[in-house]
ModelCIF file with pLDDT and N, C-alpha, C, O atoms, coordinates in Angstrom:
data_MODEL
#
_entry.id   MODEL 
#
_entity.id                         1 
_entity.type                       polymer 
_entity.pdbx_number_of_molecules   1 
#
_entity_poly.entity_id                      1 
_entity_poly.type                           'polypeptide(L)' 
_entity_poly.nstd_linkage                   no 
_entity_poly.nstd_monomer                   no 
_entity_poly.pdbx_seq_one_letter_code       FFMPWHGEVRHQTNFKWLAESMSRPPEKTLIGENGAVYRLTRE 
_entity_poly.pdbx_seq_one_letter_code_can   FFMPWHGEVRHQTNFKWLAESMSRPPEKTLIGENGAVYRLTRE 
_entity_poly.pdbx_strand_id                 A 
#
loop_
_entity_poly_seq.entity_id 
_entity_poly_seq.num 
_entity_poly_seq.mon_id 
_entity_poly_seq.hetero 
1 1  PHE n 
1 2  PHE n 
1 3  MET n 
1 4  PRO n 
1 5  TRP n 
1 6  HIS n 
1 7  GLY n 
1 8  GLU n 
1 9  VAL n 
1 10 ARG n 
1 11 HIS n 
1 12 GLN n 
1 13 THR n 
1 14 ASN n 
1 15 PHE n 
1 16 LYS n 
1 17 TRP n 
1 18 LEU n 
1 19 ALA n 
1 20 GLU n 
1 21 SER n 
1 22 MET n 
1 23 SER n 
1 24 ARG n 
1 25 PRO n 
1 26 PRO n 
1 27 GLU n 
1 28 LYS n 
1 29 THR n 
1 30 LEU n 
1 31 ILE n 
1 32 GLY n 
1 33 GLU n 
1 34 ASN n 
1 35 GLY n 
1 36 ALA n 
1 37 VAL n 
1 38 TYR n 
1 39 ARG n 
1 40 LEU n 
1 41 THR n 
1 42 ARG n 
1 43 GLU n 
#
_struct_asym.id          A 
_struct_asym.entity_id   1 
#
loop_
_ma_qa_metric.id 
_ma_qa_metric.mode 
_ma_qa_metric.name 
_ma_qa_metric.software_group_id 
_ma_qa_metric.type 
1 global pLDDT . pLDDT 
2 local  pLDDT . pLDDT 
#
_ma_qa_metric_global.metric_id      1 
_ma_qa_metric_global.metric_value   97.16 
_ma_qa_metric_global.model_id       1 
_ma_qa_metric_global.ordinal_id     1 
#
loop_
_ma_qa_metric_local.label_asym_id 
_ma_qa_metric_local.label_comp_id 
_ma_qa_metric_local.label_seq_id 
_ma_qa_metric_local.metric_id 
_ma_qa_metric_local.metric_value 
_ma_qa_metric_local.model_id 
_ma_qa_metric_local.ordinal_id 
A PHE 1  2 98.00 1 1  
A PHE 2  2 98.00 1 2  
A MET 3  2 98.00 1 3  
A PRO 4  2 98.00 1 4  
A TRP 5  2 96.00 1 5  
A HIS 6  2 96.00 1 6  
A GLY 7  2 93.00 1 7  
A GLU 8  2 95.00 1 8  
A VAL 9  2 97.00 1 9  
A ARG 10 2 97.00 1 10 
A HIS 11 2 97.00 1 11 
A GLN 12 2 98.00 1 12 
A THR 13 2 98.00 1 13 
A ASN 14 2 98.00 1 14 
A PHE 15 2 98.00 1 15 
A LYS 16 2 98.00 1 16 
A TRP 17 2 98.00 1 17 
A LEU 18 2 98.00 1 18 
A ALA 19 2 98.00 1 19 
A GLU 20 2 97.00 1 20 
A SER 21 2 97.00 1 21 
A MET 22 2 97.00 1 22 
A SER 23 2 96.00 1 23 
A ARG 24 2 96.00 1 24 
A PRO 25 2 97.00 1 25 
A PRO 26 2 98.00 1 26 
A GLU 27 2 97.00 1 27 
A LYS 28 2 98.00 1 28 
A THR 29 2 98.00 1 29 
A LEU 30 2 98.00 1 30 
A ILE 31 2 97.00 1 31 
A GLY 32 2 96.00 1 32 
A GLU 33 2 97.00 1 33 
A ASN 34 2 97.00 1 34 
A GLY 35 2 97.00 1 35 
A ALA 36 2 97.00 1 36 
A VAL 37 2 98.00 1 37 
A TYR 38 2 98.00 1 38 
A ARG 39 2 98.00 1 39 
A LEU 40 2 98.00 1 40 
A THR 41 2 97.00 1 41 
A ARG 42 2 96.00 1 42 
A GLU 43 2 96.00 1 43 
#
loop_
_atom_site.group_PDB 
_atom_site.id 
_atom_site.type_symbol 
_atom_site.label_atom_id 
_atom_site.label_alt_id 
_atom_site.label_comp_id 
_atom_site.label_asym_id 
_atom_site.label_entity_id 
_atom_site.label_seq_id 
_atom_site.pdbx_PDB_ins_code 
_atom_site.Cartn_x 
_atom_site.Cartn_y 
_atom_site.Cartn_z 
_atom_site.occupancy 
_atom_site.B_iso_or_equiv 
_atom_site.pdbx_formal_charge 
_atom_site.auth_seq_id 
_atom_site.auth_comp_id 
_atom_site.auth_asym_id 
_atom_site.auth_atom_id 
_atom_site.pdbx_PDB_model_num 
ATOM 1   N N  . PHE A 1 1  ? 0.853  -1.188 0.000   1.00 98.00 ? 1  PHE A N  1 
ATOM 2   C CA . PHE A 1 1  ? 0.000  0.000  0.000   1.00 98.00 ? 1  PHE A CA 1 
ATOM 3   C C  . PHE A 1 1  ? 0.890  1.238  0.000   1.00 98.00 ? 1  PHE A C  1 
ATOM 4   O O  . PHE A 1 1  ? 2.057  1.178  0.385   1.00 98.00 ? 1  PHE A O  1 
ATOM 5   N N  . PHE A 1 2  ? 0.322  2.361  -0.438  1.00 98.00 ? 2  PHE A N  1 
ATOM 6   C CA . PHE A 1 2  ? 1.135  3.568  -0.608  1.00 98.00 ? 2  PHE A CA 1 
ATOM 7   C C  . PHE A 1 2  ? 0.319  4.799  -0.247  1.00 98.00 ? 2  PHE A C  1 
ATOM 8   O O  . PHE A 1 2  ? -0.870 4.890  -0.553  1.00 98.00 ? 2  PHE A O  1 
ATOM 9   N N  . MET A 1 3  ? 0.989  5.753  0.415   1.00 98.00 ? 3  MET A N  1 
ATOM 10  C CA . MET A 1 3  ? 0.371  7.043  0.729   1.00 98.00 ? 3  MET A CA 1 
ATOM 11  C C  . MET A 1 3  ? 1.375  8.167  0.449   1.00 98.00 ? 3  MET A C  1 
ATOM 12  O O  . MET A 1 3  ? 2.341  8.318  1.196   1.00 98.00 ? 3  MET A O  1 
ATOM 13  N N  . PRO A 1 4  ? 1.168  8.959  -0.611  1.00 98.00 ? 4  PRO A N  1 
ATOM 14  C CA . PRO A 1 4  ? 2.019  10.135 -0.842  1.00 98.00 ? 4  PRO A CA 1 
ATOM 15  C C  . PRO A 1 4  ? 1.760  11.174 0.253   1.00 98.00 ? 4  PRO A C  1 
ATOM 16  O O  . PRO A 1 4  ? 0.619  11.391 0.662   1.00 98.00 ? 4  PRO A O  1 
ATOM 17  N N  . TRP A 1 5  ? 2.832  11.807 0.716   1.00 96.00 ? 5  TRP A N  1 
ATOM 18  C CA . TRP A 1 5  ? 2.755  12.729 1.851   1.00 96.00 ? 5  TRP A CA 1 
ATOM 19  C C  . TRP A 1 5  ? 3.618  13.943 1.560   1.00 96.00 ? 5  TRP A C  1 
ATOM 20  O O  . TRP A 1 5  ? 4.393  13.936 0.604   1.00 96.00 ? 5  TRP A O  1 
ATOM 21  N N  . HIS A 1 6  ? 3.494  14.998 2.380   1.00 96.00 ? 6  HIS A N  1 
ATOM 22  C CA . HIS A 1 6  ? 4.318  16.200 2.268   1.00 96.00 ? 6  HIS A CA 1 
ATOM 23  C C  . HIS A 1 6  ? 4.183  16.824 0.888   1.00 96.00 ? 6  HIS A C  1 
ATOM 24  O O  . HIS A 1 6  ? 5.131  16.839 0.103   1.00 96.00 ? 6  HIS A O  1 
ATOM 25  N N  . GLY A 1 7  ? 3.007  17.332 0.608   1.00 93.00 ? 7  GLY A N  1 
ATOM 26  C CA . GLY A 1 7  ? 2.789  17.994 -0.666  1.00 93.00 ? 7  GLY A CA 1 
ATOM 27  C C  . GLY A 1 7  ? 1.343  18.405 -0.810  1.00 93.00 ? 7  GLY A C  1 
ATOM 28  O O  . GLY A 1 7  ? 0.464  17.928 -0.093  1.00 93.00 ? 7  GLY A O  1 
ATOM 29  N N  . GLU A 1 8  ? 1.115  19.303 -1.754  1.00 95.00 ? 8  GLU A N  1 
ATOM 30  C CA . GLU A 1 8  ? -0.253 19.664 -2.097  1.00 95.00 ? 8  GLU A CA 1 
ATOM 31  C C  . GLU A 1 8  ? -0.880 18.521 -2.875  1.00 95.00 ? 8  GLU A C  1 
ATOM 32  O O  . GLU A 1 8  ? -0.197 17.575 -3.268  1.00 95.00 ? 8  GLU A O  1 
ATOM 33  N N  . VAL A 1 9  ? -2.190 18.615 -3.095  1.00 97.00 ? 9  VAL A N  1 
ATOM 34  C CA . VAL A 1 9  ? -2.911 17.509 -3.737  1.00 97.00 ? 9  VAL A CA 1 
ATOM 35  C C  . VAL A 1 9  ? -2.316 17.197 -5.108  1.00 97.00 ? 9  VAL A C  1 
ATOM 36  O O  . VAL A 1 9  ? -2.258 16.034 -5.506  1.00 97.00 ? 9  VAL A O  1 
ATOM 37  N N  . ARG A 1 10 ? -1.877 18.220 -5.831  1.00 97.00 ? 10 ARG A N  1 
ATOM 38  C CA . ARG A 1 10 ? -1.291 17.963 -7.165  1.00 97.00 ? 10 ARG A CA 1 
ATOM 39  C C  . ARG A 1 10 ? -0.003 17.152 -7.047  1.00 97.00 ? 10 ARG A C  1 
ATOM 40  O O  . ARG A 1 10 ? 0.276  16.308 -7.899  1.00 97.00 ? 10 ARG A O  1 
ATOM 41  N N  . HIS A 1 11 ? 0.785  17.399 -5.998  1.00 97.00 ? 11 HIS A N  1 
ATOM 42  C CA . HIS A 1 11 ? 2.017  16.627 -5.803  1.00 97.00 ? 11 HIS A CA 1 
ATOM 43  C C  . HIS A 1 11 ? 1.685  15.188 -5.414  1.00 97.00 ? 11 HIS A C  1 
ATOM 44  O O  . HIS A 1 11 ? 2.275  14.244 -5.938  1.00 97.00 ? 11 HIS A O  1 
ATOM 45  N N  . GLN A 1 12 ? 0.740  15.031 -4.495  1.00 98.00 ? 12 GLN A N  1 
ATOM 46  C CA . GLN A 1 12 ? 0.341  13.690 -4.077  1.00 98.00 ? 12 GLN A CA 1 
ATOM 47  C C  . GLN A 1 12 ? -0.205 12.892 -5.264  1.00 98.00 ? 12 GLN A C  1 
ATOM 48  O O  . GLN A 1 12 ? 0.111  11.714 -5.433  1.00 98.00 ? 12 GLN A O  1 
ATOM 49  N N  . THR A 1 13 ? -1.025 13.548 -6.075  1.00 98.00 ? 13 THR A N  1 
ATOM 50  C CA . THR A 1 13 ? -1.650 12.851 -7.207  1.00 98.00 ? 13 THR A CA 1 
ATOM 51  C C  . THR A 1 13 ? -0.607 12.451 -8.247  1.00 98.00 ? 13 THR A C  1 
ATOM 52  O O  . THR A 1 13 ? -0.668 11.349 -8.791  1.00 98.00 ? 13 THR A O  1 
ATOM 53  N N  . ASN A 1 14 ? 0.339  13.327 -8.525  1.00 98.00 ? 14 ASN A N  1 
ATOM 54  C CA . ASN A 1 14 ? 1.392  12.978 -9.481  1.00 98.00 ? 14 ASN A CA 1 
ATOM 55  C C  . ASN A 1 14 ? 2.248  11.828 -8.964  1.00 98.00 ? 14 ASN A C  1 
ATOM 56  O O  . ASN A 1 14 ? 2.700  10.993 -9.747  1.00 98.00 ? 14 ASN A O  1 
ATOM 57  N N  . PHE A 1 15 ? 2.473  11.775 -7.658  1.00 98.00 ? 15 PHE A N  1 
ATOM 58  C CA . PHE A 1 15 ? 3.231  10.667 -7.087  1.00 98.00 ? 15 PHE A CA 1 
ATOM 59  C C  . PHE A 1 15 ? 2.412  9.372  -7.183  1.00 98.00 ? 15 PHE A C  1 
ATOM 60  O O  . PHE A 1 15 ? 2.968  8.301  -7.426  1.00 98.00 ? 15 PHE A O  1 
ATOM 61  N N  . LYS A 1 16 ? 1.126  9.470  -6.996  1.00 98.00 ? 16 LYS A N  1 
ATOM 62  C CA . LYS A 1 16 ? 0.242  8.301  -7.158  1.00 98.00 ? 16 LYS A CA 1 
ATOM 63  C C  . LYS A 1 16 ? 0.354  7.756  -8.580  1.00 98.00 ? 16 LYS A C  1 
ATOM 64  O O  . LYS A 1 16 ? 0.505  6.551  -8.783  1.00 98.00 ? 16 LYS A O  1 
ATOM 65  N N  . TRP A 1 17 ? 0.276  8.656  -9.562  1.00 98.00 ? 17 TRP A N  1 
ATOM 66  C CA . TRP A 1 17 ? 0.390  8.217  -10.962 1.00 98.00 ? 17 TRP A CA 1 
ATOM 67  C C  . TRP A 1 17 ? 1.759  7.600  -11.230 1.00 98.00 ? 17 TRP A C  1 
ATOM 68  O O  . TRP A 1 17 ? 1.870  6.604  -11.945 1.00 98.00 ? 17 TRP A O  1 
ATOM 69  N N  . LEU A 1 18 ? 2.800  8.199  -10.648 1.00 98.00 ? 18 LEU A N  1 
ATOM 70  C CA . LEU A 1 18 ? 4.148  7.665  -10.820 1.00 98.00 ? 18 LEU A CA 1 
ATOM 71  C C  . LEU A 1 18 ? 4.233  6.251  -10.259 1.00 98.00 ? 18 LEU A C  1 
ATOM 72  O O  . LEU A 1 18 ? 4.804  5.364  -10.893 1.00 98.00 ? 18 LEU A O  1 
ATOM 73  N N  . ALA A 1 19 ? 3.668  6.039  -9.073  1.00 98.00 ? 19 ALA A N  1 
ATOM 74  C CA . ALA A 1 19 ? 3.686  4.714  -8.454  1.00 98.00 ? 19 ALA A CA 1 
ATOM 75  C C  . ALA A 1 19 ? 2.925  3.708  -9.301  1.00 98.00 ? 19 ALA A C  1 
ATOM 76  O O  . ALA A 1 19 ? 3.344  2.558  -9.431  1.00 98.00 ? 19 ALA A O  1 
ATOM 77  N N  . GLU A 1 20 ? 1.810  4.136  -9.876  1.00 97.00 ? 20 GLU A N  1 
ATOM 78  C CA . GLU A 1 20 ? 1.001  3.235  -10.690 1.00 97.00 ? 20 GLU A CA 1 
ATOM 79  C C  . GLU A 1 20 ? 1.670  2.894  -12.012 1.00 97.00 ? 20 GLU A C  1 
ATOM 80  O O  . GLU A 1 20 ? 1.296  1.917  -12.661 1.00 97.00 ? 20 GLU A O  1 
ATOM 81  N N  . SER A 1 21 ? 2.662  3.692  -12.421 1.00 97.00 ? 21 SER A N  1 
ATOM 82  C CA . SER A 1 21 ? 3.364  3.420  -13.679 1.00 97.00 ? 21 SER A CA 1 
ATOM 83  C C  . SER A 1 21 ? 4.528  2.436  -13.497 1.00 97.00 ? 21 SER A C  1 
ATOM 84  O O  . SER A 1 21 ? 5.131  2.006  -14.480 1.00 97.00 ? 21 SER A O  1 
ATOM 85  N N  . MET A 1 22 ? 4.841  2.081  -12.259 1.00 97.00 ? 22 MET A N  1 
ATOM 86  C CA . MET A 1 22 ? 5.964  1.194  -12.000 1.00 97.00 ? 22 MET A CA 1 
ATOM 87  C C  . MET A 1 22 ? 5.632  -0.226 -12.441 1.00 97.00 ? 22 MET A C  1 
ATOM 88  O O  . MET A 1 22 ? 4.463  -0.584 -12.583 1.00 97.00 ? 22 MET A O  1 
ATOM 89  N N  . SER A 1 23 ? 6.673  -1.032 -12.658 1.00 96.00 ? 23 SER A N  1 
ATOM 90  C CA . SER A 1 23 ? 6.436  -2.411 -13.094 1.00 96.00 ? 23 SER A CA 1 
ATOM 91  C C  . SER A 1 23 ? 5.753  -3.231 -12.001 1.00 96.00 ? 23 SER A C  1 
ATOM 92  O O  . SER A 1 23 ? 5.050  -4.198 -12.296 1.00 96.00 ? 23 SER A O  1 
ATOM 93  N N  . ARG A 1 24 ? 5.958  -2.849 -10.748 1.00 96.00 ? 24 ARG A N  1 
ATOM 94  C CA . ARG A 1 24 ? 5.267  -3.522 -9.644  1.00 96.00 ? 24 ARG A CA 1 
ATOM 95  C C  . ARG A 1 24 ? 4.581  -2.458 -8.796  1.00 96.00 ? 24 ARG A C  1 
ATOM 96  O O  . ARG A 1 24 ? 5.093  -2.068 -7.746  1.00 96.00 ? 24 ARG A O  1 
ATOM 97  N N  . PRO A 1 25 ? 3.432  -1.994 -9.249  1.00 97.00 ? 25 PRO A N  1 
ATOM 98  C CA . PRO A 1 25 ? 2.760  -0.899 -8.537  1.00 97.00 ? 25 PRO A CA 1 
ATOM 99  C C  . PRO A 1 25 ? 2.137  -1.379 -7.233  1.00 97.00 ? 25 PRO A C  1 
ATOM 100 O O  . PRO A 1 25 ? 1.878  -2.572 -7.075  1.00 97.00 ? 25 PRO A O  1 
ATOM 101 N N  . PRO A 1 26 ? 1.894  -0.465 -6.297  1.00 98.00 ? 26 PRO A N  1 
ATOM 102 C CA . PRO A 1 26 ? 1.169  -0.833 -5.079  1.00 98.00 ? 26 PRO A CA 1 
ATOM 103 C C  . PRO A 1 26 ? -0.242 -1.327 -5.411  1.00 98.00 ? 26 PRO A C  1 
ATOM 104 O O  . PRO A 1 26 ? -0.834 -0.935 -6.416  1.00 98.00 ? 26 PRO A O  1 
ATOM 105 N N  . GLU A 1 27 ? -0.758 -2.186 -4.552  1.00 97.00 ? 27 GLU A N  1 
ATOM 106 C CA . GLU A 1 27 ? -2.135 -2.649 -4.743  1.00 97.00 ? 27 GLU A CA 1 
ATOM 107 C C  . GLU A 1 27 ? -3.121 -1.502 -4.593  1.00 97.00 ? 27 GLU A C  1 
ATOM 108 O O  . GLU A 1 27 ? -4.141 -1.451 -5.280  1.00 97.00 ? 27 GLU A O  1 
ATOM 109 N N  . LYS A 1 28 ? -2.807 -0.580 -3.688  1.00 98.00 ? 28 LYS A N  1 
ATOM 110 C CA . LYS A 1 28 ? -3.742 0.514  -3.422  1.00 98.00 ? 28 LYS A CA 1 
ATOM 111 C C  . LYS A 1 28 ? -2.961 1.737  -2.974  1.00 98.00 ? 28 LYS A C  1 
ATOM 112 O O  . LYS A 1 28 ? -2.034 1.637  -2.170  1.00 98.00 ? 28 LYS A O  1 
ATOM 113 N N  . THR A 1 29 ? -3.345 2.899  -3.505  1.00 98.00 ? 29 THR A N  1 
ATOM 114 C CA . THR A 1 29 ? -2.751 4.169  -3.096  1.00 98.00 ? 29 THR A CA 1 
ATOM 115 C C  . THR A 1 29 ? -3.860 5.093  -2.631  1.00 98.00 ? 29 THR A C  1 
ATOM 116 O O  . THR A 1 29 ? -4.868 5.258  -3.318  1.00 98.00 ? 29 THR A O  1 
ATOM 117 N N  . LEU A 1 30 ? -3.676 5.694  -1.468  1.00 98.00 ? 30 LEU A N  1 
ATOM 118 C CA . LEU A 1 30 ? -4.644 6.650  -0.945  1.00 98.00 ? 30 LEU A CA 1 
ATOM 119 C C  . LEU A 1 30 ? -4.007 8.038  -0.898  1.00 98.00 ? 30 LEU A C  1 
ATOM 120 O O  . LEU A 1 30 ? -2.860 8.191  -0.478  1.00 98.00 ? 30 LEU A O  1 
ATOM 121 N N  . ILE A 1 31 ? -4.766 9.047  -1.336  1.00 97.00 ? 31 ILE A N  1 
ATOM 122 C CA . ILE A 1 31 ? -4.329 10.440 -1.219  1.00 97.00 ? 31 ILE A CA 1 
ATOM 123 C C  . ILE A 1 31 ? -4.754 10.920 0.164   1.00 97.00 ? 31 ILE A C  1 
ATOM 124 O O  . ILE A 1 31 ? -5.943 11.096 0.431   1.00 97.00 ? 31 ILE A O  1 
ATOM 125 N N  . GLY A 1 32 ? -3.773 11.129 1.039   1.00 96.00 ? 32 GLY A N  1 
ATOM 126 C CA . GLY A 1 32 ? -4.069 11.439 2.429   1.00 96.00 ? 32 GLY A CA 1 
ATOM 127 C C  . GLY A 1 32 ? -4.662 12.823 2.626   1.00 96.00 ? 32 GLY A C  1 
ATOM 128 O O  . GLY A 1 32 ? -4.397 13.753 1.864   1.00 96.00 ? 32 GLY A O  1 
ATOM 129 N N  . GLU A 1 33 ? -5.480 12.932 3.684   1.00 97.00 ? 33 GLU A N  1 
ATOM 130 C CA . GLU A 1 33 ? -6.095 14.198 4.072   1.00 97.00 ? 33 GLU A CA 1 
ATOM 131 C C  . GLU A 1 33 ? -5.855 14.414 5.558   1.00 97.00 ? 33 GLU A C  1 
ATOM 132 O O  . GLU A 1 33 ? -5.851 13.463 6.340   1.00 97.00 ? 33 GLU A O  1 
ATOM 133 N N  . ASN A 1 34 ? -5.655 15.662 5.942   1.00 97.00 ? 34 ASN A N  1 
ATOM 134 C CA . ASN A 1 34 ? -5.513 15.976 7.355   1.00 97.00 ? 34 ASN A CA 1 
ATOM 135 C C  . ASN A 1 34 ? -6.817 15.678 8.094   1.00 97.00 ? 34 ASN A C  1 
ATOM 136 O O  . ASN A 1 34 ? -7.903 16.014 7.623   1.00 97.00 ? 34 ASN A O  1 
ATOM 137 N N  . GLY A 1 35 ? -6.691 15.047 9.252   1.00 97.00 ? 35 GLY A N  1 
ATOM 138 C CA . GLY A 1 35 ? -7.866 14.739 10.063  1.00 97.00 ? 35 GLY A CA 1 
ATOM 139 C C  . GLY A 1 35 ? -8.515 13.408 9.760   1.00 97.00 ? 35 GLY A C  1 
ATOM 140 O O  . GLY A 1 35 ? -9.399 12.973 10.496  1.00 97.00 ? 35 GLY A O  1 
ATOM 141 N N  . ALA A 1 36 ? -8.090 12.743 8.676   1.00 97.00 ? 36 ALA A N  1 
ATOM 142 C CA . ALA A 1 36 ? -8.648 11.430 8.363   1.00 97.00 ? 36 ALA A CA 1 
ATOM 143 C C  . ALA A 1 36 ? -7.967 10.366 9.223   1.00 97.00 ? 36 ALA A C  1 
ATOM 144 O O  . ALA A 1 36 ? -6.796 10.495 9.577   1.00 97.00 ? 36 ALA A O  1 
ATOM 145 N N  . VAL A 1 37 ? -8.712 9.323  9.549   1.00 98.00 ? 37 VAL A N  1 
ATOM 146 C CA . VAL A 1 37 ? -8.156 8.170  10.261  1.00 98.00 ? 37 VAL A CA 1 
ATOM 147 C C  . VAL A 1 37 ? -8.056 7.025  9.257   1.00 98.00 ? 37 VAL A C  1 
ATOM 148 O O  . VAL A 1 37 ? -9.061 6.574  8.708   1.00 98.00 ? 37 VAL A O  1 
ATOM 149 N N  . TYR A 1 38 ? -6.825 6.562  9.026   1.00 98.00 ? 38 TYR A N  1 
ATOM 150 C CA . TYR A 1 38 ? -6.586 5.482  8.069   1.00 98.00 ? 38 TYR A CA 1 
ATOM 151 C C  . TYR A 1 38 ? -6.291 4.198  8.823   1.00 98.00 ? 38 TYR A C  1 
ATOM 152 O O  . TYR A 1 38 ? -5.429 4.165  9.701   1.00 98.00 ? 38 TYR A O  1 
ATOM 153 N N  . ARG A 1 39 ? -7.009 3.149  8.477   1.00 98.00 ? 39 ARG A N  1 
ATOM 154 C CA . ARG A 1 39 ? -6.834 1.854  9.135   1.00 98.00 ? 39 ARG A CA 1 
ATOM 155 C C  . ARG A 1 39 ? -6.022 0.935  8.229   1.00 98.00 ? 39 ARG A C  1 
ATOM 156 O O  . ARG A 1 39 ? -6.392 0.680  7.083   1.00 98.00 ? 39 ARG A O  1 
ATOM 157 N N  . LEU A 1 40 ? -4.912 0.446  8.765   1.00 98.00 ? 40 LEU A N  1 
ATOM 158 C CA . LEU A 1 40 ? -4.019 -0.452 8.033   1.00 98.00 ? 40 LEU A CA 1 
ATOM 159 C C  . LEU A 1 40 ? -4.044 -1.817 8.698   1.00 98.00 ? 40 LEU A C  1 
ATOM 160 O O  . LEU A 1 40 ? -3.724 -1.945 9.880   1.00 98.00 ? 40 LEU A O  1 
ATOM 161 N N  . THR A 1 41 ? -4.427 -2.842 7.934   1.00 97.00 ? 41 THR A N  1 
ATOM 162 C CA . THR A 1 41 ? -4.364 -4.219 8.408   1.00 97.00 ? 41 THR A CA 1 
ATOM 163 C C  . THR A 1 41 ? -3.397 -4.983 7.506   1.00 97.00 ? 41 THR A C  1 
ATOM 164 O O  . THR A 1 41 ? -2.808 -4.416 6.586   1.00 97.00 ? 41 THR A O  1 
ATOM 165 N N  . ARG A 1 42 ? -3.243 -6.268 7.782   1.00 96.00 ? 42 ARG A N  1 
ATOM 166 C CA . ARG A 1 42 ? -2.373 -7.078 6.925   1.00 96.00 ? 42 ARG A CA 1 
ATOM 167 C C  . ARG A 1 42 ? -2.886 -7.156 5.493   1.00 96.00 ? 42 ARG A C  1 
ATOM 168 O O  . ARG A 1 42 ? -2.116 -7.379 4.558   1.00 96.00 ? 42 ARG A O  1 
ATOM 169 N N  . GLU A 1 43 ? -4.207 -6.968 5.327   1.00 96.00 ? 43 GLU A N  1 
ATOM 170 C CA . GLU A 1 43 ? -4.817 -7.177 4.010   1.00 96.00 ? 43 GLU A CA 1 
ATOM 171 C C  . GLU A 1 43 ? -5.492 -5.944 3.433   1.00 96.00 ? 43 GLU A C  1 
ATOM 172 O O  . GLU A 1 43 ? -6.039 -5.999 2.331   1.00 96.00 ? 43 GLU A O  1 
#
């Protein structure tokens, strides 16, 4: 899993696209927001 951080939404989104272009992309990428609670499990 992947979360772009330290940037405005345009920076986070471009990093998401970059990750998705890799030969082994993350299964899921979330664009983080301040105040959101993100739950990470093994799956």
